[in-house]
Amino acid sequence: MSKYDALWNHVQKNGPRSFKMSFDEIGDITGIEIDRSFLKCKKELTAYGYPVGKISLREKTVIFNKDGE
C-alpha cells in the first residue's frame, strides 16, 4: 500500500487522456503534501494505466498521460 493510492485511484477513474494537476490538487486528494518520495512512487501509477509524464518543480505541477497516448 502506497501513501499515493488515493491519487492513483482518482487518476484511473477520473483522468482524461492527458492532463495536468498542481501539487495542491494532489495534496487535496491524498491528504498529504508531495515530497521527494513521489519521485520513487510515481512508478506505481503505471499499473493504473497512467504513467507520470512530467513533473515540474518550478510550476509545481504533474502531467499524466494515459498509456499509449
N, C-alpha and C. Protein backbone atom coordinates (compact mmCIF):
# COMPACT_ATOMS: atom_id res chain seq x y z
N MET A 1 0.84 -1.18 0.00
CA MET A 1 0.00 0.00 0.00
C MET A 1 0.88 1.25 0.00
N SER A 2 0.53 2.18 -0.85
CA SER A 2 1.30 3.41 -1.00
C SER A 2 0.52 4.58 -0.43
N LYS A 3 1.24 5.57 0.04
CA LYS A 3 0.56 6.76 0.52
C LYS A 3 -0.10 7.54 -0.62
N TYR A 4 0.22 7.15 -1.84
CA TYR A 4 -0.38 7.80 -3.01
C TYR A 4 -1.50 6.99 -3.65
N ASP A 5 -1.95 5.91 -3.01
CA ASP A 5 -3.01 5.07 -3.59
C ASP A 5 -4.27 5.88 -3.91
N ALA A 6 -4.64 6.82 -3.06
CA ALA A 6 -5.84 7.64 -3.32
C ALA A 6 -5.68 8.42 -4.62
N LEU A 7 -4.48 8.91 -4.88
CA LEU A 7 -4.21 9.64 -6.13
C LEU A 7 -4.28 8.69 -7.32
N TRP A 8 -3.64 7.54 -7.20
CA TRP A 8 -3.64 6.59 -8.32
C TRP A 8 -5.06 6.19 -8.68
N ASN A 9 -5.89 5.91 -7.68
CA ASN A 9 -7.28 5.53 -7.93
C ASN A 9 -8.06 6.69 -8.56
N HIS A 10 -7.83 7.90 -8.08
CA HIS A 10 -8.51 9.07 -8.63
C HIS A 10 -8.14 9.27 -10.10
N VAL A 11 -6.87 9.17 -10.41
CA VAL A 11 -6.41 9.36 -11.78
C VAL A 11 -7.02 8.29 -12.69
N GLN A 12 -7.00 7.05 -12.24
CA GLN A 12 -7.54 5.96 -13.06
C GLN A 12 -9.02 6.15 -13.34
N LYS A 13 -9.78 6.59 -12.35
CA LYS A 13 -11.23 6.71 -12.50
C LYS A 13 -11.67 8.00 -13.19
N ASN A 14 -10.91 9.08 -13.03
CA ASN A 14 -11.37 10.39 -13.47
C ASN A 14 -10.50 11.07 -14.51
N GLY A 15 -9.38 10.47 -14.85
CA GLY A 15 -8.44 11.15 -15.72
C GLY A 15 -8.76 11.04 -17.21
N PRO A 16 -8.69 12.18 -17.91
CA PRO A 16 -8.77 12.12 -19.37
C PRO A 16 -7.46 11.56 -19.93
N ARG A 17 -7.30 11.60 -21.22
CA ARG A 17 -6.09 11.03 -21.84
C ARG A 17 -4.80 11.67 -21.34
N SER A 18 -4.79 12.97 -21.26
CA SER A 18 -3.62 13.70 -20.78
C SER A 18 -4.12 14.90 -19.98
N PHE A 19 -3.53 15.11 -18.82
CA PHE A 19 -3.96 16.24 -18.00
C PHE A 19 -2.86 16.64 -17.03
N LYS A 20 -3.02 17.84 -16.49
CA LYS A 20 -2.05 18.40 -15.56
C LYS A 20 -2.74 18.65 -14.23
N MET A 21 -2.03 18.33 -13.15
CA MET A 21 -2.54 18.62 -11.81
C MET A 21 -1.47 19.38 -11.04
N SER A 22 -1.92 20.29 -10.20
CA SER A 22 -0.99 21.02 -9.35
C SER A 22 -0.65 20.18 -8.12
N PHE A 23 0.45 20.51 -7.48
CA PHE A 23 0.82 19.83 -6.25
C PHE A 23 -0.30 20.01 -5.21
N ASP A 24 -0.95 21.18 -5.19
CA ASP A 24 -2.03 21.44 -4.25
C ASP A 24 -3.23 20.52 -4.51
N GLU A 25 -3.58 20.32 -5.78
CA GLU A 25 -4.68 19.42 -6.12
C GLU A 25 -4.37 17.99 -5.68
N ILE A 26 -3.13 17.58 -5.90
CA ILE A 26 -2.71 16.24 -5.48
C ILE A 26 -2.78 16.12 -3.97
N GLY A 27 -2.35 17.16 -3.27
CA GLY A 27 -2.43 17.17 -1.82
C GLY A 27 -3.85 17.08 -1.31
N ASP A 28 -4.79 17.73 -2.00
CA ASP A 28 -6.20 17.67 -1.62
C ASP A 28 -6.73 16.24 -1.74
N ILE A 29 -6.28 15.52 -2.75
CA ILE A 29 -6.74 14.14 -2.98
C ILE A 29 -6.10 13.18 -1.99
N THR A 30 -4.81 13.33 -1.77
CA THR A 30 -4.08 12.38 -0.93
C THR A 30 -4.12 12.72 0.56
N GLY A 31 -4.35 13.99 0.86
CA GLY A 31 -4.32 14.41 2.25
C GLY A 31 -2.91 14.67 2.76
N ILE A 32 -1.93 14.62 1.85
CA ILE A 32 -0.54 14.89 2.21
C ILE A 32 0.09 15.77 1.14
N GLU A 33 1.18 16.44 1.50
CA GLU A 33 1.92 17.23 0.52
C GLU A 33 2.84 16.32 -0.29
N ILE A 34 3.04 16.69 -1.55
CA ILE A 34 4.00 15.95 -2.39
C ILE A 34 5.39 16.19 -1.81
N ASP A 35 6.16 15.13 -1.73
CA ASP A 35 7.55 15.25 -1.30
C ASP A 35 8.42 14.40 -2.22
N ARG A 36 9.67 14.27 -1.88
CA ARG A 36 10.60 13.54 -2.75
C ARG A 36 10.20 12.08 -2.96
N SER A 37 9.45 11.51 -2.03
CA SER A 37 9.04 10.11 -2.19
C SER A 37 8.16 9.93 -3.42
N PHE A 38 7.52 11.01 -3.88
CA PHE A 38 6.68 10.93 -5.08
C PHE A 38 7.53 10.50 -6.28
N LEU A 39 8.77 10.93 -6.32
CA LEU A 39 9.64 10.57 -7.44
C LEU A 39 9.85 9.06 -7.52
N LYS A 40 9.92 8.39 -6.37
CA LYS A 40 10.06 6.94 -6.38
C LYS A 40 8.72 6.24 -6.58
N CYS A 41 7.68 6.78 -5.98
CA CYS A 41 6.37 6.14 -6.02
C CYS A 41 5.66 6.33 -7.36
N LYS A 42 6.08 7.30 -8.14
CA LYS A 42 5.37 7.57 -9.41
C LYS A 42 5.34 6.36 -10.32
N LYS A 43 6.29 5.43 -10.18
CA LYS A 43 6.31 4.22 -11.00
C LYS A 43 5.08 3.35 -10.74
N GLU A 44 4.50 3.49 -9.55
CA GLU A 44 3.31 2.70 -9.20
C GLU A 44 2.13 3.01 -10.12
N LEU A 45 2.07 4.23 -10.62
CA LEU A 45 0.93 4.66 -11.42
C LEU A 45 0.85 3.93 -12.75
N THR A 46 1.94 3.40 -13.24
CA THR A 46 1.94 2.67 -14.49
C THR A 46 0.94 1.51 -14.45
N ALA A 47 0.81 0.87 -13.30
CA ALA A 47 -0.13 -0.24 -13.15
C ALA A 47 -1.59 0.22 -13.30
N TYR A 48 -1.82 1.51 -13.16
CA TYR A 48 -3.17 2.06 -13.29
C TYR A 48 -3.43 2.64 -14.68
N GLY A 49 -2.44 2.51 -15.56
CA GLY A 49 -2.61 2.96 -16.94
C GLY A 49 -2.25 4.40 -17.21
N TYR A 50 -1.66 5.08 -16.24
CA TYR A 50 -1.32 6.49 -16.40
C TYR A 50 0.10 6.77 -15.90
N PRO A 51 1.11 6.49 -16.69
CA PRO A 51 2.45 6.86 -16.23
C PRO A 51 2.57 8.38 -16.10
N VAL A 52 3.38 8.80 -15.14
CA VAL A 52 3.63 10.23 -14.96
C VAL A 52 4.43 10.72 -16.15
N GLY A 53 3.94 11.76 -16.81
CA GLY A 53 4.61 12.30 -17.98
C GLY A 53 5.74 13.25 -17.62
N LYS A 54 5.44 14.26 -16.81
CA LYS A 54 6.45 15.26 -16.45
C LYS A 54 6.09 15.86 -15.10
N ILE A 55 7.12 16.07 -14.29
CA ILE A 55 6.97 16.75 -13.01
C ILE A 55 7.72 18.07 -13.12
N SER A 56 7.03 19.18 -12.90
CA SER A 56 7.67 20.49 -12.93
C SER A 56 7.74 21.03 -11.50
N LEU A 57 8.95 21.04 -10.95
CA LEU A 57 9.12 21.58 -9.60
C LEU A 57 8.95 23.09 -9.60
N ARG A 58 9.28 23.72 -10.70
CA ARG A 58 9.15 25.18 -10.82
C ARG A 58 7.68 25.60 -10.81
N GLU A 59 6.87 24.92 -11.63
CA GLU A 59 5.45 25.24 -11.72
C GLU A 59 4.62 24.51 -10.66
N LYS A 60 5.24 23.53 -10.00
CA LYS A 60 4.55 22.69 -9.02
C LYS A 60 3.35 21.99 -9.64
N THR A 61 3.63 21.31 -10.76
CA THR A 61 2.59 20.56 -11.48
C THR A 61 3.12 19.19 -11.89
N VAL A 62 2.18 18.29 -12.15
CA VAL A 62 2.49 16.96 -12.66
C VAL A 62 1.59 16.72 -13.87
N ILE A 63 2.19 16.22 -14.94
CA ILE A 63 1.42 15.87 -16.14
C ILE A 63 1.29 14.35 -16.19
N PHE A 64 0.06 13.90 -16.41
CA PHE A 64 -0.24 12.48 -16.52
C PHE A 64 -0.67 12.18 -17.95
N ASN A 65 -0.18 11.10 -18.52
CA ASN A 65 -0.54 10.68 -19.87
C ASN A 65 -0.98 9.23 -19.85
N LYS A 66 -2.17 8.96 -20.37
CA LYS A 66 -2.67 7.59 -20.41
C LYS A 66 -1.75 6.73 -21.27
N ASP A 67 -1.54 5.48 -20.87
CA ASP A 67 -0.70 4.56 -21.64
C ASP A 67 -1.07 4.57 -23.11
N GLY A 68 -0.06 4.64 -23.96
CA GLY A 68 -0.29 4.60 -25.40
C GLY A 68 -0.70 5.92 -26.01
N GLU A 69 -0.75 6.98 -25.20
CA GLU A 69 -1.18 8.29 -25.72
C GLU A 69 0.03 9.18 -25.92
